[in-house]
Amino acid sequence: MPLDKIKSLLERGGFECPISSSEETPPNRLCVLLGPDPQKRIRMLEIRITPQKIGPGAVITDPHSLPHRIQFHVQLPFSVRDMALRQVGSLLLFLNPCLDVPGFELDEVQGRVIYRYVWIAYPSVVDYPAVMSMMSVIMLNISLFSETIESLANGKASFCDLLTELTQAF
C-alpha cells in the first residue's frame, strides 16, 4: 500500500529511493537520500510504515481502509561525545517546542541524534502535496539545526552560548 505510493511520490519530487523492502532493510521500510550535509556527509531518511492497530472489538469491514503509522527517521551524521550528552539533551528539549513538526531525539546509548516524526494517515490522504510538505518541513528542520546540535555534540560550543544565540533567533 502506502510504501510504494510514497516511494513513487518521492521519486516524482526528485528524491532518490535506492533501498526499499528487501534483504537489506526490514519489510515496510523505505530509504530516501536527502543529499549531503555541509560537510558532504550522506543524509538518509528512513520511512517505516505499519497499519495502525485497532482496539479489541472494533469491526473492520475493509482492512485496506485502516490508517497507517508512517514514521520518518533521519539519523544525523555525527556522534555525540559522552561529555556532551546532557547538554545535547537539554538543547533538544529546548528546540522541539519551537518546531512545527518535532522532534529531535537523543539516543544516549549510541550517542546519536535522530530527527523523528510520526504521521497517522489513511492511505487516501497520502498524496503528493502532503508528502512533499512533510519532506520540506523535515529537511528545513534538519538544515536549520543539525550544525548547531553538532557544534554542541562535539564540544565546539557550550549550551549557554547556543541558548543565547537561539533565543535571539526566535
Protein backbone atom coordinates (compact mmCIF):
# COMPACT_ATOMS: atom_id res chain seq x y z
CA MET A 1 0.00 0.00 0.00
CA PRO A 2 1.41 3.32 1.07
CA LEU A 3 5.12 2.42 0.86
CA ASP A 4 5.04 2.01 -2.91
CA LYS A 5 2.80 5.06 -3.19
CA ILE A 6 5.14 7.17 -1.05
CA LYS A 7 8.18 5.95 -3.00
CA SER A 8 6.50 6.94 -6.26
CA LEU A 9 5.55 10.38 -4.89
CA LEU A 10 9.07 10.99 -3.57
CA GLU A 11 10.67 9.97 -6.87
CA ARG A 12 8.24 12.31 -8.65
CA GLY A 13 9.52 15.06 -6.33
CA GLY A 14 13.13 14.35 -7.31
CA PHE A 15 14.19 12.21 -4.35
CA GLU A 16 16.20 9.04 -4.83
CA CYS A 17 14.91 5.97 -3.02
CA PRO A 18 17.70 3.44 -3.58
CA ILE A 19 16.65 0.86 -1.00
CA SER A 20 13.18 -0.37 -0.17
CA SER A 21 11.81 -3.50 1.47
CA SER A 22 14.46 -6.02 0.57
CA GLU A 23 17.02 -8.24 2.21
CA GLU A 24 18.97 -5.09 3.10
CA THR A 25 16.12 -3.48 5.06
CA PRO A 26 13.27 -4.94 7.10
CA PRO A 27 9.83 -5.10 5.48
CA ASN A 28 7.76 -1.93 5.20
CA ARG A 29 10.77 0.41 5.15
CA LEU A 30 11.97 2.85 2.54
CA CYS A 31 15.30 4.72 2.46
CA VAL A 32 15.42 8.16 0.86
CA LEU A 33 18.58 10.10 0.00
CA LEU A 34 18.34 13.68 1.27
CA GLY A 35 21.57 14.92 -0.26
CA PRO A 36 24.80 15.71 1.53
CA ASP A 37 25.12 17.95 4.57
CA PRO A 38 27.52 20.94 4.50
CA GLN A 39 30.42 18.59 5.34
CA LYS A 40 29.47 16.38 2.35
CA ARG A 41 28.23 13.50 4.55
CA ILE A 42 25.33 11.44 3.27
CA ARG A 43 21.95 12.12 4.89
CA MET A 44 19.37 9.37 4.71
CA LEU A 45 15.71 9.35 5.69
CA GLU A 46 14.16 6.04 6.63
CA ILE A 47 10.38 5.74 6.32
CA ARG A 48 8.67 2.93 8.22
CA ILE A 49 5.05 2.06 7.60
CA THR A 50 2.75 -0.23 9.56
CA PRO A 51 -1.03 -0.48 9.67
CA GLN A 52 -2.36 1.21 12.80
CA LYS A 53 -3.62 -1.23 15.39
CA ILE A 54 -7.31 -1.05 16.18
CA GLY A 55 -8.63 -1.86 19.65
CA PRO A 56 -10.33 -5.15 20.51
CA GLY A 57 -13.95 -5.36 19.49
CA ALA A 58 -13.55 -2.96 16.57
CA VAL A 59 -15.43 -4.02 13.48
CA ILE A 60 -13.15 -3.94 10.46
CA THR A 61 -15.01 -4.28 7.20
CA ASP A 62 -12.10 -3.38 4.92
CA PRO A 63 -8.58 -3.93 6.32
CA HIS A 64 -7.12 -1.80 3.48
CA SER A 65 -9.01 1.24 4.77
CA LEU A 66 -7.20 1.31 8.13
CA PRO A 67 -4.96 4.26 8.91
CA HIS A 68 -1.24 3.63 8.73
CA ARG A 69 1.52 4.71 11.09
CA ILE A 70 4.18 6.37 8.95
CA GLN A 71 7.44 7.11 10.78
CA PHE A 72 10.15 9.36 9.37
CA HIS A 73 13.65 8.89 10.85
CA VAL A 74 16.83 10.77 10.00
CA GLN A 75 19.94 9.86 11.96
CA LEU A 76 22.16 12.93 11.90
CA PRO A 77 25.64 12.10 10.54
CA PHE A 78 27.67 12.70 13.68
CA SER A 79 28.15 11.25 17.14
CA VAL A 80 27.61 12.94 20.48
CA ARG A 81 30.57 12.88 22.84
CA ASP A 82 29.78 11.37 26.22
CA MET A 83 30.63 14.66 27.95
CA ALA A 84 28.03 16.46 25.82
CA LEU A 85 25.09 14.05 26.19
CA ARG A 86 23.34 16.04 28.91
CA GLN A 87 23.83 19.38 27.13
CA VAL A 88 22.63 18.00 23.79
CA GLY A 89 19.58 16.53 25.54
CA SER A 90 18.83 19.94 27.06
CA LEU A 91 19.23 21.64 23.68
CA LEU A 92 16.82 19.19 22.03
CA LEU A 93 14.24 19.76 24.79
CA PHE A 94 14.57 23.49 24.10
CA LEU A 95 14.30 23.13 20.29
CA ASN A 96 11.38 20.71 19.94
CA PRO A 97 8.59 23.08 21.11
CA CYS A 98 9.86 25.64 18.56
CA LEU A 99 9.42 23.25 15.63
CA ASP A 100 6.27 22.74 13.59
CA VAL A 101 6.94 19.02 13.19
CA PRO A 102 9.03 17.98 16.20
CA GLY A 103 11.25 16.20 17.03
CA PHE A 104 14.80 15.60 17.65
CA GLU A 105 15.65 12.66 19.90
CA LEU A 106 18.84 11.70 21.67
CA ASP A 107 19.89 8.06 21.65
CA GLU A 108 22.15 8.17 24.69
CA VAL A 109 23.28 4.56 24.31
CA GLN A 110 24.51 5.03 20.73
CA GLY A 111 25.44 8.70 21.16
CA ARG A 112 23.31 9.70 18.16
CA VAL A 113 20.76 12.40 17.41
CA ILE A 114 17.71 11.36 15.39
CA TYR A 115 15.03 13.50 13.82
CA ARG A 116 11.72 11.63 14.05
CA TYR A 117 8.15 12.32 13.09
CA VAL A 118 5.16 10.01 13.15
CA TRP A 119 2.19 10.60 10.87
CA ILE A 120 -1.02 8.58 11.31
CA ALA A 121 -2.78 8.74 7.96
CA TYR A 122 -5.36 6.95 5.90
CA PRO A 123 -3.98 5.78 2.55
CA SER A 124 -6.40 8.14 0.78
CA VAL A 125 -4.71 11.26 2.24
CA VAL A 126 -1.19 10.20 1.27
CA ASP A 127 -0.81 12.37 -1.81
CA TYR A 128 1.90 14.44 -3.49
CA PRO A 129 1.21 17.77 -1.70
CA ALA A 130 1.06 16.09 1.73
CA VAL A 131 4.25 14.08 1.25
CA MET A 132 6.20 16.99 -0.26
CA SER A 133 5.02 19.29 2.52
CA MET A 134 6.20 16.77 5.13
CA MET A 135 9.56 16.37 3.38
CA SER A 136 10.02 20.14 3.17
CA VAL A 137 9.48 20.62 6.89
CA ILE A 138 11.76 17.70 7.78
CA MET A 139 14.55 18.94 5.53
CA LEU A 140 14.15 22.51 6.78
CA ASN A 141 14.44 21.48 10.43
CA ILE A 142 17.45 19.29 9.76
CA SER A 143 19.16 22.02 7.75
CA LEU A 144 18.42 24.71 10.33
CA PHE A 145 19.50 22.85 13.44
CA SER A 146 21.88 19.97 12.70
CA GLU A 147 25.02 22.14 12.60
CA THR A 148 24.04 23.80 15.88
CA ILE A 149 23.41 20.43 17.52
CA GLU A 150 26.69 19.07 16.14
CA SER A 151 28.70 22.03 17.45
CA LEU A 152 27.46 21.20 20.94
CA ALA A 153 27.82 17.44 20.43
CA ASN A 154 31.50 17.70 19.54
CA GLY A 155 32.39 20.31 22.16
CA LYS A 156 32.89 23.30 19.83
CA ALA A 157 30.17 25.29 21.62
CA SER A 158 28.59 25.38 25.06
CA PHE A 159 24.89 25.09 25.81
CA CYS A 160 24.85 28.62 27.27
CA ASP A 161 26.37 30.08 24.08
CA LEU A 162 23.88 28.23 21.90
CA LEU A 163 20.94 29.12 24.11
CA THR A 164 21.83 32.81 23.86
CA GLU A 165 22.18 32.51 20.08
CA LEU A 166 18.90 30.58 19.70
CA THR A 167 16.83 32.90 21.89
CA GLN A 168 18.00 35.84 19.79
CA ALA A 169 16.93 33.97 16.63
CA PHE A 170 13.42 33.29 17.93
